[in-house]
Amino acid sequence: MERLSVSTRKRREMVEITSLVAKTAKGSGVQEGCCLVFVPHTTCGLTINENADPSVSDDILRTLEKLVPARGDYRHTEGNSDAHVASTLVGHSVLVPIHKGNLVLGTWQGIFLCEFDGPRNRQVWIKMLPSIQDQPVEL
């Protein structure tokens, strides 16, 4: 499993990590299969969404702020309950197909780390899941 470090600069932001994941996938030698991308944190998440227009990320963050405001009737006393709720809504992993050694994403799709309690240094774990054709068969 590969581990990447991603630094965030704001309390809430979406950082595109597509190229980092693609480089890792390409370097793995897996030609066919899937790439599992996971964050081992409770206050950030991962998503796939449009990477051509940065206003989409802004819209997502603004909408999440309305749905899960920073100040609310939360019981968790660390002051980051909203980050826990937002990361649960977004999710902590994405699974991307691999074909001919490349990530298979739509024309406008990118992989984003969604920071909800930054700035922080985050870990992104990548596990390649080769198809059965890529795995040697032991007899």
C-alpha atoms as a PDB file:
ATOM      1  CA  MET A   1       0.000   0.000   0.000  1.00  0.00           C
ATOM      2  CA  GLU A   2       1.244   3.464  -0.899  1.00  0.00           C
ATOM      3  CA  ARG A   3       0.882   6.408   1.470  1.00  0.00           C
ATOM      4  CA  LEU A   4       0.855   9.969   0.226  1.00  0.00           C
ATOM      5  CA  SER A   5       1.011  13.160   2.257  1.00  0.00           C
ATOM      6  CA  VAL A   6      -1.249  16.053   1.355  1.00  0.00           C
ATOM      7  CA  SER A   7      -1.029  19.419   3.116  1.00  0.00           C
ATOM      8  CA  THR A   8      -4.115  21.580   3.330  1.00  0.00           C
ATOM      9  CA  ARG A   9      -4.083  25.340   3.832  1.00  0.00           C
ATOM     10  CA  LYS A  10      -7.639  26.206   4.921  1.00  0.00           C
ATOM     11  CA  ARG A  11     -10.197  24.928   7.405  1.00  0.00           C
ATOM     12  CA  ARG A  12     -12.444  23.785   4.542  1.00  0.00           C
ATOM     13  CA  GLU A  13     -11.096  23.158   1.086  1.00  0.00           C
ATOM     14  CA  MET A  14     -11.036  20.634  -1.725  1.00  0.00           C
ATOM     15  CA  VAL A  15      -7.574  19.649  -2.938  1.00  0.00           C
ATOM     16  CA  GLU A  16      -7.380  17.844  -6.261  1.00  0.00           C
ATOM     17  CA  ILE A  17      -5.146  14.786  -5.938  1.00  0.00           C
ATOM     18  CA  THR A  18      -5.874  13.101  -9.285  1.00  0.00           C
ATOM     19  CA  SER A  19      -2.332  13.420 -10.602  1.00  0.00           C
ATOM     20  CA  LEU A  20      -0.822  12.001  -7.390  1.00  0.00           C
ATOM     21  CA  VAL A  21      -3.149   9.002  -7.507  1.00  0.00           C
ATOM     22  CA  ALA A  22      -2.603   8.509 -11.254  1.00  0.00           C
ATOM     23  CA  LYS A  23       1.190   8.567 -10.803  1.00  0.00           C
ATOM     24  CA  THR A  24       0.946   5.984  -8.033  1.00  0.00           C
ATOM     25  CA  ALA A  25      -1.351   3.775 -10.116  1.00  0.00           C
ATOM     26  CA  LYS A  26       0.910   4.021 -13.171  1.00  0.00           C
ATOM     27  CA  GLY A  27       4.000   3.173 -11.120  1.00  0.00           C
ATOM     28  CA  SER A  28       2.357   0.107  -9.594  1.00  0.00           C
ATOM     29  CA  GLY A  29       2.514  -1.909 -12.802  1.00  0.00           C
ATOM     30  CA  VAL A  30      -1.145  -2.925 -12.483  1.00  0.00           C
ATOM     31  CA  GLN A  31      -2.674  -2.893 -15.942  1.00  0.00           C
ATOM     32  CA  GLU A  32      -6.257  -3.911 -15.161  1.00  0.00           C
ATOM     33  CA  GLY A  33      -8.151  -3.684 -11.896  1.00  0.00           C
ATOM     34  CA  CYS A  34      -9.115  -0.959  -9.446  1.00  0.00           C
ATOM     35  CA  CYS A  35      -7.421   1.668  -7.345  1.00  0.00           C
ATOM     36  CA  LEU A  36      -8.765   2.111  -3.819  1.00  0.00           C
ATOM     37  CA  VAL A  37      -8.073   5.563  -2.383  1.00  0.00           C
ATOM     38  CA  PHE A  38      -8.724   5.978   1.355  1.00  0.00           C
ATOM     39  CA  VAL A  39      -8.157   8.618   4.038  1.00  0.00           C
ATOM     40  CA  PRO A  40      -7.612   7.393   7.620  1.00  0.00           C
ATOM     41  CA  HIS A  41      -9.026  10.571   9.167  1.00  0.00           C
ATOM     42  CA  THR A  42     -12.389  11.428  10.694  1.00  0.00           C
ATOM     43  CA  THR A  43     -12.512  15.087   9.655  1.00  0.00           C
ATOM     44  CA  CYS A  44     -11.695  14.899   5.966  1.00  0.00           C
ATOM     45  CA  GLY A  45     -13.014  12.851   3.075  1.00  0.00           C
ATOM     46  CA  LEU A  46     -12.630  11.925  -0.567  1.00  0.00           C
ATOM     47  CA  THR A  47     -14.863  12.472  -3.549  1.00  0.00           C
ATOM     48  CA  ILE A  48     -14.845  12.391  -7.333  1.00  0.00           C
ATOM     49  CA  ASN A  49     -16.296  15.445  -9.006  1.00  0.00           C
ATOM     50  CA  GLU A  50     -15.689  18.040 -11.704  1.00  0.00           C
ATOM     51  CA  ASN A  51     -12.112  19.270 -11.954  1.00  0.00           C
ATOM     52  CA  ALA A  52     -12.481  21.656 -14.899  1.00  0.00           C
ATOM     53  CA  ASP A  53     -14.325  24.502 -13.169  1.00  0.00           C
ATOM     54  CA  PRO A  54     -13.108  25.448  -9.655  1.00  0.00           C
ATOM     55  CA  SER A  55     -16.473  27.030  -8.878  1.00  0.00           C
ATOM     56  CA  VAL A  56     -17.906  23.494  -8.543  1.00  0.00           C
ATOM     57  CA  SER A  57     -15.654  22.849  -5.530  1.00  0.00           C
ATOM     58  CA  ASP A  58     -16.655  26.228  -4.096  1.00  0.00           C
ATOM     59  CA  ASP A  59     -20.342  25.355  -4.563  1.00  0.00           C
ATOM     60  CA  ILE A  60     -19.886  21.994  -2.840  1.00  0.00           C
ATOM     61  CA  LEU A  61     -18.105  23.572   0.137  1.00  0.00           C
ATOM     62  CA  ARG A  62     -20.683  26.375   0.437  1.00  0.00           C
ATOM     63  CA  THR A  63     -23.537  23.875   0.312  1.00  0.00           C
ATOM     64  CA  LEU A  64     -21.922  21.675   2.958  1.00  0.00           C
ATOM     65  CA  GLU A  65     -21.436  24.773   5.142  1.00  0.00           C
ATOM     66  CA  LYS A  66     -25.187  25.448   4.901  1.00  0.00           C
ATOM     67  CA  LEU A  67     -26.062  21.809   5.618  1.00  0.00           C
ATOM     68  CA  VAL A  68     -23.488  21.418   8.396  1.00  0.00           C
ATOM     69  CA  PRO A  69     -22.693  24.812   9.947  1.00  0.00           C
ATOM     70  CA  ALA A  70     -19.527  25.296  11.986  1.00  0.00           C
ATOM     71  CA  ARG A  71     -21.595  26.298  15.009  1.00  0.00           C
ATOM     72  CA  GLY A  72     -24.529  24.094  15.853  1.00  0.00           C
ATOM     73  CA  ASP A  73     -26.152  22.166  18.641  1.00  0.00           C
ATOM     74  CA  TYR A  74     -23.261  19.688  18.817  1.00  0.00           C
ATOM     75  CA  ARG A  75     -22.314  17.609  21.864  1.00  0.00           C
ATOM     76  CA  HIS A  76     -18.727  16.923  20.802  1.00  0.00           C
ATOM     77  CA  THR A  77     -16.651  19.529  22.651  1.00  0.00           C
ATOM     78  CA  GLU A  78     -13.524  19.797  20.478  1.00  0.00           C
ATOM     79  CA  GLY A  79     -15.134  22.413  18.231  1.00  0.00           C
ATOM     80  CA  ASN A  80     -14.952  20.330  15.064  1.00  0.00           C
ATOM     81  CA  SER A  81     -18.240  18.419  15.113  1.00  0.00           C
ATOM     82  CA  ASP A  82     -19.182  19.947  11.779  1.00  0.00           C
ATOM     83  CA  ALA A  83     -16.022  18.436  10.264  1.00  0.00           C
ATOM     84  CA  HIS A  84     -16.964  14.965  11.521  1.00  0.00           C
ATOM     85  CA  VAL A  85     -20.471  15.260  10.072  1.00  0.00           C
ATOM     86  CA  ALA A  86     -19.290  16.672   6.720  1.00  0.00           C
ATOM     87  CA  SER A  87     -16.679  13.934   6.293  1.00  0.00           C
ATOM     88  CA  THR A  88     -19.340  11.311   6.989  1.00  0.00           C
ATOM     89  CA  LEU A  89     -21.566  12.811   4.297  1.00  0.00           C
ATOM     90  CA  VAL A  90     -18.728  12.884   1.751  1.00  0.00           C
ATOM     91  CA  GLY A  91     -17.171   9.523   2.636  1.00  0.00           C
ATOM     92  CA  HIS A  92     -13.631   8.327   3.225  1.00  0.00           C
ATOM     93  CA  SER A  93     -12.809   6.363   0.096  1.00  0.00           C
ATOM     94  CA  VAL A  94     -13.227   6.177  -3.654  1.00  0.00           C
ATOM     95  CA  LEU A  95     -12.713   3.230  -5.982  1.00  0.00           C
ATOM     96  CA  VAL A  96     -11.449   3.993  -9.487  1.00  0.00           C
ATOM     97  CA  PRO A  97     -11.148   1.474 -12.332  1.00  0.00           C
ATOM     98  CA  ILE A  98      -7.735   0.897 -13.922  1.00  0.00           C
ATOM     99  CA  HIS A  99      -7.506   0.049 -17.638  1.00  0.00           C
ATOM    100  CA  LYS A 100      -4.233  -0.339 -19.524  1.00  0.00           C
ATOM    101  CA  GLY A 101      -2.407   1.024 -16.478  1.00  0.00           C
ATOM    102  CA  ASN A 102      -4.408   4.259 -16.315  1.00  0.00           C
ATOM    103  CA  LEU A 103      -7.142   5.578 -14.047  1.00  0.00           C
ATOM    104  CA  VAL A 104     -10.512   5.493 -15.788  1.00  0.00           C
ATOM    105  CA  LEU A 105     -12.311   8.742 -15.014  1.00  0.00           C
ATOM    106  CA  GLY A 106     -14.858  10.746 -16.963  1.00  0.00           C
ATOM    107  CA  THR A 107     -13.761  13.731 -19.038  1.00  0.00           C
ATOM    108  CA  TRP A 108     -14.445  16.267 -16.299  1.00  0.00           C
ATOM    109  CA  GLN A 109     -13.774  14.080 -13.260  1.00  0.00           C
ATOM    110  CA  GLY A 110     -11.041  14.476 -10.684  1.00  0.00           C
ATOM    111  CA  ILE A 111     -10.298  12.989  -7.269  1.00  0.00           C
ATOM    112  CA  PHE A 112     -10.468  15.436  -4.381  1.00  0.00           C
ATOM    113  CA  LEU A 113      -9.373  15.335  -0.762  1.00  0.00           C
ATOM    114  CA  CYS A 114     -12.051  17.292   1.104  1.00  0.00           C
ATOM    115  CA  GLU A 115     -10.622  19.044   4.148  1.00  0.00           C
ATOM    116  CA  PHE A 116     -13.108  20.042   6.847  1.00  0.00           C
ATOM    117  CA  ASP A 117     -10.807  20.717   9.837  1.00  0.00           C
ATOM    118  CA  GLY A 118      -7.640  22.211   8.449  1.00  0.00           C
ATOM    119  CA  PRO A 119      -5.091  23.284   7.856  1.00  0.00           C
ATOM    120  CA  ARG A 120      -3.485  19.907   8.419  1.00  0.00           C
ATOM    121  CA  ASN A 121      -1.121  17.350   6.981  1.00  0.00           C
ATOM    122  CA  ARG A 122      -3.218  14.427   5.768  1.00  0.00           C
ATOM    123  CA  GLN A 123      -2.416  10.895   4.696  1.00  0.00           C
ATOM    124  CA  VAL A 124      -3.949   9.339   1.600  1.00  0.00           C
ATOM    125  CA  TRP A 125      -3.606   5.586   1.356  1.00  0.00           C
ATOM    126  CA  ILE A 126      -3.682   3.927  -2.069  1.00  0.00           C
ATOM    127  CA  LYS A 127      -4.158   0.208  -2.567  1.00  0.00           C
ATOM    128  CA  MET A 128      -4.043  -1.296  -6.038  1.00  0.00           C
ATOM    129  CA  LEU A 129      -6.478  -4.146  -6.606  1.00  0.00           C
ATOM    130  CA  PRO A 130      -5.316  -5.996  -9.733  1.00  0.00           C
ATOM    131  CA  SER A 131      -7.773  -8.033 -11.736  1.00  0.00           C
ATOM    132  CA  ILE A 132      -7.315 -11.795 -11.736  1.00  0.00           C
ATOM    133  CA  GLN A 133      -5.575 -11.585 -15.137  1.00  0.00           C
ATOM    134  CA  ASP A 134      -2.742  -9.541 -13.594  1.00  0.00           C
ATOM    135  CA  GLN A 135      -2.074 -11.985 -10.773  1.00  0.00           C
ATOM    136  CA  PRO A 136       0.222 -14.968 -11.229  1.00  0.00           C
ATOM    137  CA  VAL A 137      -1.440 -18.313 -10.762  1.00  0.00           C
ATOM    138  CA  GLU A 138       0.332 -20.725  -8.432  1.00  0.00           C
ATOM    139  CA  LEU A 139      -0.071 -24.406  -9.238  1.00  0.00           C
END
